[in-house]
Amino acid sequence: MTYDLLGLVSGMDGSNAKRNQELGVAVLQEALEHAGYAPKREFATVAEFEAYFQEHETLLVDGTEQRKQRPGNKETQKDYYSGKKKCTP
């Protein structure tokens, strides 16, 4: 949903809808952290990671592809090419 559409359905313009959504997400994150329901996001060691998730039965990993700014130089660019997006006949 775009912020303009969010603003339309909530009775405000798009920029106010964006600001209010960001504020709401920040308040929710803080409340979840304060109540102890937010997941831990950083670990110093592999052992710390394993200990944290040992008590959990299932681990979900977000594998969403992230955009990466590639260098303009073609030779340097080769180091950043994953090769995943090849067309197959």
N, C-alpha and C. Protein backbone atom coordinates (compact mmCIF):
# COMPACT_ATOMS: atom_id res chain seq x y z
N MET A 1 0.86 -1.16 0.00
CA MET A 1 0.00 0.00 0.00
C MET A 1 0.91 1.24 0.00
N THR A 2 0.63 2.18 -0.87
CA THR A 2 1.41 3.41 -0.89
C THR A 2 0.97 4.30 0.26
N TYR A 3 1.82 5.24 0.61
CA TYR A 3 1.47 6.16 1.69
C TYR A 3 0.31 7.07 1.29
N ASP A 4 0.21 7.40 0.00
CA ASP A 4 -0.92 8.20 -0.45
C ASP A 4 -2.23 7.45 -0.24
N LEU A 5 -2.23 6.15 -0.58
CA LEU A 5 -3.44 5.34 -0.38
C LEU A 5 -3.72 5.16 1.11
N LEU A 6 -2.67 4.91 1.89
CA LEU A 6 -2.84 4.79 3.34
C LEU A 6 -3.43 6.08 3.91
N GLY A 7 -2.93 7.22 3.43
CA GLY A 7 -3.47 8.50 3.88
C GLY A 7 -4.92 8.68 3.49
N LEU A 8 -5.25 8.26 2.27
CA LEU A 8 -6.63 8.39 1.78
C LEU A 8 -7.60 7.60 2.66
N VAL A 9 -7.24 6.34 2.98
CA VAL A 9 -8.16 5.51 3.77
C VAL A 9 -8.16 5.90 5.25
N SER A 10 -7.14 6.65 5.69
CA SER A 10 -7.11 7.05 7.10
C SER A 10 -7.39 8.54 7.30
N GLY A 11 -7.72 9.24 6.21
CA GLY A 11 -8.14 10.63 6.33
C GLY A 11 -7.03 11.63 6.50
N MET A 12 -5.88 11.39 5.89
CA MET A 12 -4.76 12.35 5.96
C MET A 12 -3.96 12.27 4.67
N ASP A 13 -3.02 13.19 4.51
CA ASP A 13 -2.20 13.12 3.29
C ASP A 13 -1.11 12.06 3.46
N GLY A 14 -0.43 11.74 2.36
CA GLY A 14 0.55 10.67 2.34
C GLY A 14 1.72 10.90 3.28
N SER A 15 2.21 12.14 3.38
CA SER A 15 3.36 12.40 4.24
C SER A 15 3.00 12.22 5.72
N ASN A 16 1.81 12.64 6.11
CA ASN A 16 1.38 12.41 7.49
C ASN A 16 1.14 10.93 7.76
N ALA A 17 0.63 10.21 6.78
CA ALA A 17 0.42 8.77 6.93
C ALA A 17 1.76 8.07 7.16
N LYS A 18 2.79 8.48 6.41
CA LYS A 18 4.12 7.89 6.57
C LYS A 18 4.68 8.19 7.96
N ARG A 19 4.59 9.44 8.39
CA ARG A 19 5.09 9.82 9.72
C ARG A 19 4.37 9.05 10.82
N ASN A 20 3.06 8.95 10.71
CA ASN A 20 2.28 8.25 11.73
C ASN A 20 2.58 6.75 11.74
N GLN A 21 2.78 6.17 10.56
CA GLN A 21 3.12 4.76 10.50
C GLN A 21 4.48 4.51 11.14
N GLU A 22 5.46 5.35 10.82
CA GLU A 22 6.80 5.20 11.41
C GLU A 22 6.75 5.35 12.93
N LEU A 23 5.97 6.31 13.41
CA LEU A 23 5.82 6.50 14.85
C LEU A 23 5.16 5.28 15.49
N GLY A 24 4.11 4.77 14.86
CA GLY A 24 3.42 3.59 15.37
C GLY A 24 4.32 2.37 15.43
N VAL A 25 5.13 2.17 14.40
CA VAL A 25 6.05 1.03 14.38
C VAL A 25 7.11 1.19 15.47
N ALA A 26 7.62 2.41 15.68
CA ALA A 26 8.61 2.66 16.72
C ALA A 26 8.02 2.39 18.11
N VAL A 27 6.80 2.83 18.34
CA VAL A 27 6.13 2.60 19.64
C VAL A 27 5.91 1.10 19.85
N LEU A 28 5.46 0.40 18.81
CA LEU A 28 5.23 -1.04 18.91
C LEU A 28 6.53 -1.78 19.20
N GLN A 29 7.61 -1.42 18.50
CA GLN A 29 8.91 -2.05 18.73
C GLN A 29 9.37 -1.85 20.16
N GLU A 30 9.26 -0.62 20.65
CA GLU A 30 9.67 -0.32 22.03
C GLU A 30 8.83 -1.10 23.04
N ALA A 31 7.54 -1.19 22.80
CA ALA A 31 6.66 -1.93 23.71
C ALA A 31 7.00 -3.42 23.72
N LEU A 32 7.26 -3.99 22.54
CA LEU A 32 7.62 -5.40 22.47
C LEU A 32 8.95 -5.68 23.15
N GLU A 33 9.92 -4.78 22.98
CA GLU A 33 11.21 -4.95 23.64
C GLU A 33 11.06 -4.84 25.16
N HIS A 34 10.30 -3.85 25.60
CA HIS A 34 10.09 -3.63 27.04
C HIS A 34 9.40 -4.83 27.70
N ALA A 35 8.46 -5.44 26.98
CA ALA A 35 7.71 -6.58 27.52
C ALA A 35 8.46 -7.90 27.34
N GLY A 36 9.58 -7.87 26.62
CA GLY A 36 10.36 -9.09 26.41
C GLY A 36 9.87 -9.98 25.30
N TYR A 37 9.08 -9.43 24.37
CA TYR A 37 8.55 -10.23 23.27
C TYR A 37 9.26 -10.01 21.94
N ALA A 38 10.12 -9.02 21.86
CA ALA A 38 10.85 -8.76 20.62
C ALA A 38 12.02 -9.72 20.53
N PRO A 39 12.26 -10.29 19.35
CA PRO A 39 13.38 -11.22 19.22
C PRO A 39 14.72 -10.50 19.30
N LYS A 40 15.71 -11.20 19.78
CA LYS A 40 17.07 -10.66 19.82
C LYS A 40 17.60 -10.64 18.38
N ARG A 41 18.27 -9.57 17.99
CA ARG A 41 18.69 -9.42 16.61
C ARG A 41 20.20 -9.46 16.41
N GLU A 42 20.96 -9.37 17.47
CA GLU A 42 22.42 -9.39 17.34
C GLU A 42 23.02 -10.34 18.35
N PHE A 43 24.01 -11.09 17.90
CA PHE A 43 24.70 -12.06 18.76
C PHE A 43 26.20 -11.86 18.61
N ALA A 44 26.92 -11.95 19.71
CA ALA A 44 28.38 -11.75 19.69
C ALA A 44 29.11 -12.97 19.16
N THR A 45 28.56 -14.17 19.43
CA THR A 45 29.22 -15.41 19.02
C THR A 45 28.19 -16.41 18.49
N VAL A 46 28.69 -17.42 17.82
CA VAL A 46 27.82 -18.50 17.35
C VAL A 46 27.23 -19.25 18.54
N ALA A 47 28.03 -19.43 19.57
CA ALA A 47 27.54 -20.12 20.77
C ALA A 47 26.38 -19.36 21.41
N GLU A 48 26.46 -18.04 21.44
CA GLU A 48 25.37 -17.23 21.98
C GLU A 48 24.11 -17.40 21.13
N PHE A 49 24.27 -17.43 19.81
CA PHE A 49 23.14 -17.65 18.89
C PHE A 49 22.50 -19.01 19.16
N GLU A 50 23.32 -20.05 19.25
CA GLU A 50 22.81 -21.40 19.47
C GLU A 50 22.10 -21.53 20.81
N ALA A 51 22.67 -20.91 21.83
CA ALA A 51 22.04 -20.96 23.16
C ALA A 51 20.69 -20.26 23.16
N TYR A 52 20.59 -19.14 22.46
CA TYR A 52 19.34 -18.38 22.41
C TYR A 52 18.24 -19.18 21.73
N PHE A 53 18.58 -19.86 20.62
CA PHE A 53 17.56 -20.57 19.85
C PHE A 53 17.40 -22.03 20.25
N GLN A 54 18.15 -22.50 21.20
CA GLN A 54 18.04 -23.88 21.65
C GLN A 54 16.66 -24.17 22.24
N GLU A 55 16.07 -23.18 22.90
CA GLU A 55 14.77 -23.37 23.54
C GLU A 55 13.61 -23.24 22.56
N HIS A 56 13.88 -22.83 21.32
CA HIS A 56 12.82 -22.65 20.33
C HIS A 56 12.77 -23.84 19.37
N GLU A 57 11.57 -24.26 19.05
CA GLU A 57 11.39 -25.41 18.18
C GLU A 57 11.60 -25.06 16.71
N THR A 58 11.21 -23.84 16.31
CA THR A 58 11.26 -23.44 14.92
C THR A 58 12.01 -22.12 14.77
N LEU A 59 12.81 -22.03 13.73
CA LEU A 59 13.55 -20.80 13.42
C LEU A 59 13.15 -20.36 12.02
N LEU A 60 12.61 -19.15 11.90
CA LEU A 60 12.24 -18.59 10.61
C LEU A 60 13.31 -17.61 10.16
N VAL A 61 13.75 -17.73 8.93
CA VAL A 61 14.77 -16.84 8.39
C VAL A 61 14.18 -16.07 7.22
N ASP A 62 14.31 -14.75 7.26
CA ASP A 62 13.82 -13.91 6.17
C ASP A 62 14.87 -13.93 5.06
N GLY A 63 14.55 -14.58 3.98
CA GLY A 63 15.49 -14.68 2.86
C GLY A 63 15.16 -13.70 1.75
N THR A 64 14.53 -12.60 2.07
CA THR A 64 14.16 -11.61 1.06
C THR A 64 15.41 -11.02 0.43
N GLU A 65 15.38 -10.94 -0.86
CA GLU A 65 16.52 -10.40 -1.59
C GLU A 65 16.66 -8.91 -1.31
N GLN A 66 17.88 -8.48 -1.04
CA GLN A 66 18.15 -7.08 -0.76
C GLN A 66 18.89 -6.46 -1.94
N ARG A 67 18.52 -5.25 -2.30
CA ARG A 67 19.22 -4.54 -3.38
C ARG A 67 20.62 -4.16 -2.93
N LYS A 68 21.54 -4.16 -3.86
CA LYS A 68 22.91 -3.79 -3.55
C LYS A 68 23.41 -2.87 -4.65
N GLN A 69 23.96 -1.75 -4.25
CA GLN A 69 24.55 -0.81 -5.21
C GLN A 69 25.84 -1.43 -5.74
N ARG A 70 25.90 -1.65 -7.05
CA ARG A 70 27.09 -2.24 -7.63
C ARG A 70 28.00 -1.15 -8.19
N PRO A 71 29.30 -1.41 -8.18
CA PRO A 71 30.24 -0.43 -8.72
C PRO A 71 30.05 -0.25 -10.22
N GLY A 72 30.41 0.92 -10.74
CA GLY A 72 30.28 1.19 -12.17
C GLY A 72 31.33 0.49 -13.00
N ASN A 73 32.50 0.22 -12.44
CA ASN A 73 33.59 -0.44 -13.14
C ASN A 73 33.23 -1.90 -13.37
N LYS A 74 33.27 -2.36 -14.64
CA LYS A 74 32.84 -3.72 -14.97
C LYS A 74 33.72 -4.79 -14.32
N GLU A 75 34.99 -4.56 -14.20
CA GLU A 75 35.88 -5.54 -13.59
C GLU A 75 35.59 -5.67 -12.08
N THR A 76 35.40 -4.55 -11.42
CA THR A 76 35.07 -4.58 -9.99
C THR A 76 33.68 -5.15 -9.78
N GLN A 77 32.79 -4.90 -10.73
CA GLN A 77 31.40 -5.36 -10.64
C GLN A 77 31.32 -6.88 -10.62
N LYS A 78 32.25 -7.57 -11.27
CA LYS A 78 32.22 -9.03 -11.32
C LYS A 78 32.29 -9.65 -9.94
N ASP A 79 32.97 -9.00 -9.02
CA ASP A 79 33.08 -9.52 -7.65
C ASP A 79 31.73 -9.53 -6.93
N TYR A 80 30.79 -8.70 -7.38
CA TYR A 80 29.50 -8.59 -6.71
C TYR A 80 28.39 -9.35 -7.44
N TYR A 81 28.70 -10.03 -8.52
CA TYR A 81 27.68 -10.71 -9.31
C TYR A 81 27.43 -12.10 -8.76
N SER A 82 26.19 -12.41 -8.44
CA SER A 82 25.86 -13.69 -7.84
C SER A 82 25.63 -14.78 -8.87
N GLY A 83 25.22 -14.41 -10.08
CA GLY A 83 24.96 -15.39 -11.11
C GLY A 83 23.61 -16.06 -10.99
N LYS A 84 22.76 -15.63 -10.07
CA LYS A 84 21.47 -16.29 -9.84
C LYS A 84 20.43 -15.94 -10.90
N LYS A 85 20.55 -14.81 -11.54
CA LYS A 85 19.49 -14.36 -12.44
C LYS A 85 19.82 -14.67 -13.89
N LYS A 86 20.01 -15.92 -14.20
CA LYS A 86 20.31 -16.34 -15.56
C LYS A 86 19.03 -16.86 -16.20
N CYS A 87 18.82 -16.55 -17.46
CA CYS A 87 17.67 -17.06 -18.18
C CYS A 87 17.94 -18.49 -18.59
N THR A 88 16.94 -19.35 -18.42
CA THR A 88 17.08 -20.74 -18.84
C THR A 88 16.12 -20.99 -19.98
N PRO A 89 16.58 -21.65 -21.04
CA PRO A 89 15.69 -21.90 -22.20
C PRO A 89 14.64 -22.94 -21.93
